[in-house]
Amino acid sequence: MEKPEESGPKASLSDYLAAERTFLAWIRTGLALMGFGFVVARFGLFLKQVQALSALSPQHSYGLSLWFGTALIAGGVILNVLAGLHHVRLLRQLDSGEIPRSHPKAQAVALALFLALVGVAMTIYLVSIPG
C-alpha cells in the first residue's frame, strides 16, 4: 500500500507572512495612488474657486487636472487588482510546494514608468499655464 501524500502547506509560515506583507505593501501603494489622484483631480476645482474669489483676469481652464487625477485613480485600481491576482497565484504556488521563481517585478517597473509619464505630463501642463 502506498502512503497518501500529506495535504497542506509545504512552505513555511515565514513564506506566507512575507507574501502577506508584500501584498499589503502593494495595496497601500494602490490606495496612495488613488488618494493622490483624487487630490489632483480636485486641484483644478480649487484653482477655479480661488480665481473666482480674487476676481483675476479671464478664467483659464484647469480641466486637465481632472484627467491626470482620473489616470492616477485608475492606475491605483489596476495596481490593486494586479496585486490581488499575483498574491493568489503566489499562495497557490506555496500551497502546492512549488518554489516561486524569482523574476523582475514587471508590475513595479510598469508602475514606475506610468508615474514618470504622468509626472512629466503634469510638469508640462503646469509650466504651460500662464502666470
Protein backbone atom coordinates (compact mmCIF):
# COMPACT_ATOMS: atom_id res chain seq x y z
CA MET A 1 0.00 0.00 0.00
CA GLU A 2 1.13 3.45 -0.82
CA LYS A 3 1.15 6.15 1.78
CA PRO A 4 -1.13 9.07 0.99
CA GLU A 5 0.75 12.26 0.44
CA GLU A 6 0.35 14.88 3.09
CA SER A 7 -2.09 17.54 2.12
CA GLY A 8 -1.47 21.01 3.34
CA PRO A 9 1.04 23.75 3.00
CA LYS A 10 4.57 22.77 2.16
CA ALA A 11 6.00 26.23 2.63
CA SER A 12 6.96 27.64 5.99
CA LEU A 13 4.91 30.16 7.90
CA SER A 14 7.50 32.85 7.22
CA ASP A 15 6.93 32.42 3.47
CA TYR A 16 3.21 33.05 3.88
CA LEU A 17 3.80 36.03 6.15
CA ALA A 18 6.29 37.51 3.69
CA ALA A 19 3.75 37.11 0.88
CA GLU A 20 1.13 38.83 3.02
CA ARG A 21 3.44 41.76 3.82
CA THR A 22 4.28 42.21 0.16
CA PHE A 23 0.61 42.08 -0.81
CA LEU A 24 -0.31 44.68 1.80
CA ALA A 25 2.52 46.95 0.62
CA TRP A 26 1.13 46.83 -2.94
CA ILE A 27 -2.37 47.56 -1.65
CA ARG A 28 -1.07 50.58 0.31
CA THR A 29 0.66 51.83 -2.81
CA GLY A 30 -2.54 51.46 -4.85
CA LEU A 31 -4.57 53.30 -2.20
CA ALA A 32 -2.00 56.09 -2.07
CA LEU A 33 -2.20 56.44 -5.85
CA MET A 34 -5.99 56.68 -5.69
CA GLY A 35 -5.85 59.26 -2.89
CA PHE A 36 -3.28 61.36 -4.72
CA GLY A 37 -5.34 61.08 -7.89
CA PHE A 38 -8.37 62.42 -6.06
CA VAL A 39 -6.36 65.40 -4.80
CA VAL A 40 -5.02 66.13 -8.30
CA ALA A 41 -8.50 65.82 -9.81
CA ARG A 42 -9.90 68.32 -7.32
CA PHE A 43 -6.96 70.72 -7.69
CA GLY A 44 -8.48 72.30 -10.81
CA LEU A 45 -11.73 72.96 -8.96
CA PHE A 46 -9.78 74.59 -6.14
CA LEU A 47 -7.92 76.84 -8.60
CA LYS A 48 -11.21 77.90 -10.21
CA GLN A 49 -12.63 78.86 -6.82
CA VAL A 50 -9.54 80.86 -5.88
CA GLN A 51 -9.62 82.61 -9.23
CA ALA A 52 -13.31 83.47 -8.89
CA LEU A 53 -12.81 84.90 -5.39
CA SER A 54 -9.84 87.05 -6.32
CA ALA A 55 -11.50 88.39 -9.48
CA LEU A 56 -8.42 87.73 -11.57
CA SER A 57 -8.14 88.08 -15.31
CA PRO A 58 -10.17 85.82 -17.62
CA GLN A 59 -10.83 82.31 -16.38
CA HIS A 60 -8.33 79.69 -17.51
CA SER A 61 -9.35 76.08 -17.98
CA TYR A 62 -7.91 73.68 -15.42
CA GLY A 63 -9.67 70.64 -16.85
CA LEU A 64 -6.52 68.59 -17.38
CA SER A 65 -6.08 68.10 -13.65
CA LEU A 66 -9.28 66.06 -13.74
CA TRP A 67 -7.77 63.78 -16.40
CA PHE A 68 -4.44 63.43 -14.58
CA GLY A 69 -6.26 62.64 -11.35
CA THR A 70 -8.51 60.13 -13.06
CA ALA A 71 -5.47 58.44 -14.62
CA LEU A 72 -3.85 58.14 -11.19
CA ILE A 73 -7.03 56.72 -9.65
CA ALA A 74 -7.36 54.20 -12.50
CA GLY A 75 -3.70 53.29 -12.08
CA GLY A 76 -4.29 52.64 -8.37
CA VAL A 77 -7.29 50.43 -9.10
CA ILE A 78 -5.38 48.44 -11.72
CA LEU A 79 -2.44 48.08 -9.34
CA ASN A 80 -4.68 46.69 -6.59
CA VAL A 81 -6.31 44.19 -8.96
CA LEU A 82 -2.91 43.01 -10.24
CA ALA A 83 -1.59 42.76 -6.68
CA GLY A 84 -4.53 40.57 -5.72
CA LEU A 85 -4.07 38.30 -8.71
CA HIS A 86 -0.34 37.96 -8.05
CA HIS A 87 -0.96 37.21 -4.37
CA VAL A 88 -3.47 34.45 -5.16
CA ARG A 89 -1.06 32.90 -7.69
CA LEU A 90 1.79 33.03 -5.17
CA LEU A 91 -0.29 31.38 -2.45
CA ARG A 92 -1.25 28.58 -4.85
CA GLN A 93 2.41 28.00 -5.63
CA LEU A 94 3.30 27.92 -1.94
CA ASP A 95 0.41 25.53 -1.17
CA SER A 96 1.45 23.13 -3.92
CA GLY A 97 5.04 23.06 -2.74
CA GLU A 98 6.41 24.84 -5.79
CA ILE A 99 9.24 27.23 -5.30
CA PRO A 100 8.14 30.57 -6.77
CA ARG A 101 10.55 31.74 -9.43
CA SER A 102 12.32 34.99 -8.77
CA HIS A 103 11.67 37.34 -11.66
CA PRO A 104 11.80 41.06 -12.17
CA LYS A 105 8.63 42.69 -10.98
CA ALA A 106 7.00 43.83 -14.19
CA GLN A 107 4.28 45.36 -12.03
CA ALA A 108 6.76 47.60 -10.21
CA VAL A 109 8.50 48.65 -13.42
CA ALA A 110 5.18 49.40 -15.14
CA LEU A 111 4.07 51.47 -12.13
CA ALA A 112 7.31 53.43 -12.15
CA LEU A 113 7.01 54.16 -15.87
CA PHE A 114 3.34 55.15 -15.51
CA LEU A 115 4.12 57.55 -12.66
CA ALA A 116 7.05 59.01 -14.58
CA LEU A 117 4.83 59.66 -17.62
CA VAL A 118 2.08 61.23 -15.53
CA GLY A 119 4.69 63.35 -13.72
CA VAL A 120 6.22 64.60 -16.97
CA ALA A 121 2.78 65.37 -18.40
CA MET A 122 1.77 67.25 -15.23
CA THR A 123 5.03 69.22 -15.29
CA ILE A 124 4.47 70.23 -18.92
CA TYR A 125 0.87 71.15 -18.11
CA LEU A 126 1.82 73.30 -15.09
CA VAL A 127 4.59 75.07 -16.99
CA SER A 128 2.25 75.82 -19.89
CA ILE A 129 -0.38 77.51 -17.68
CA PRO A 130 0.11 81.26 -17.95
CA GLY A 131 1.10 83.26 -14.89
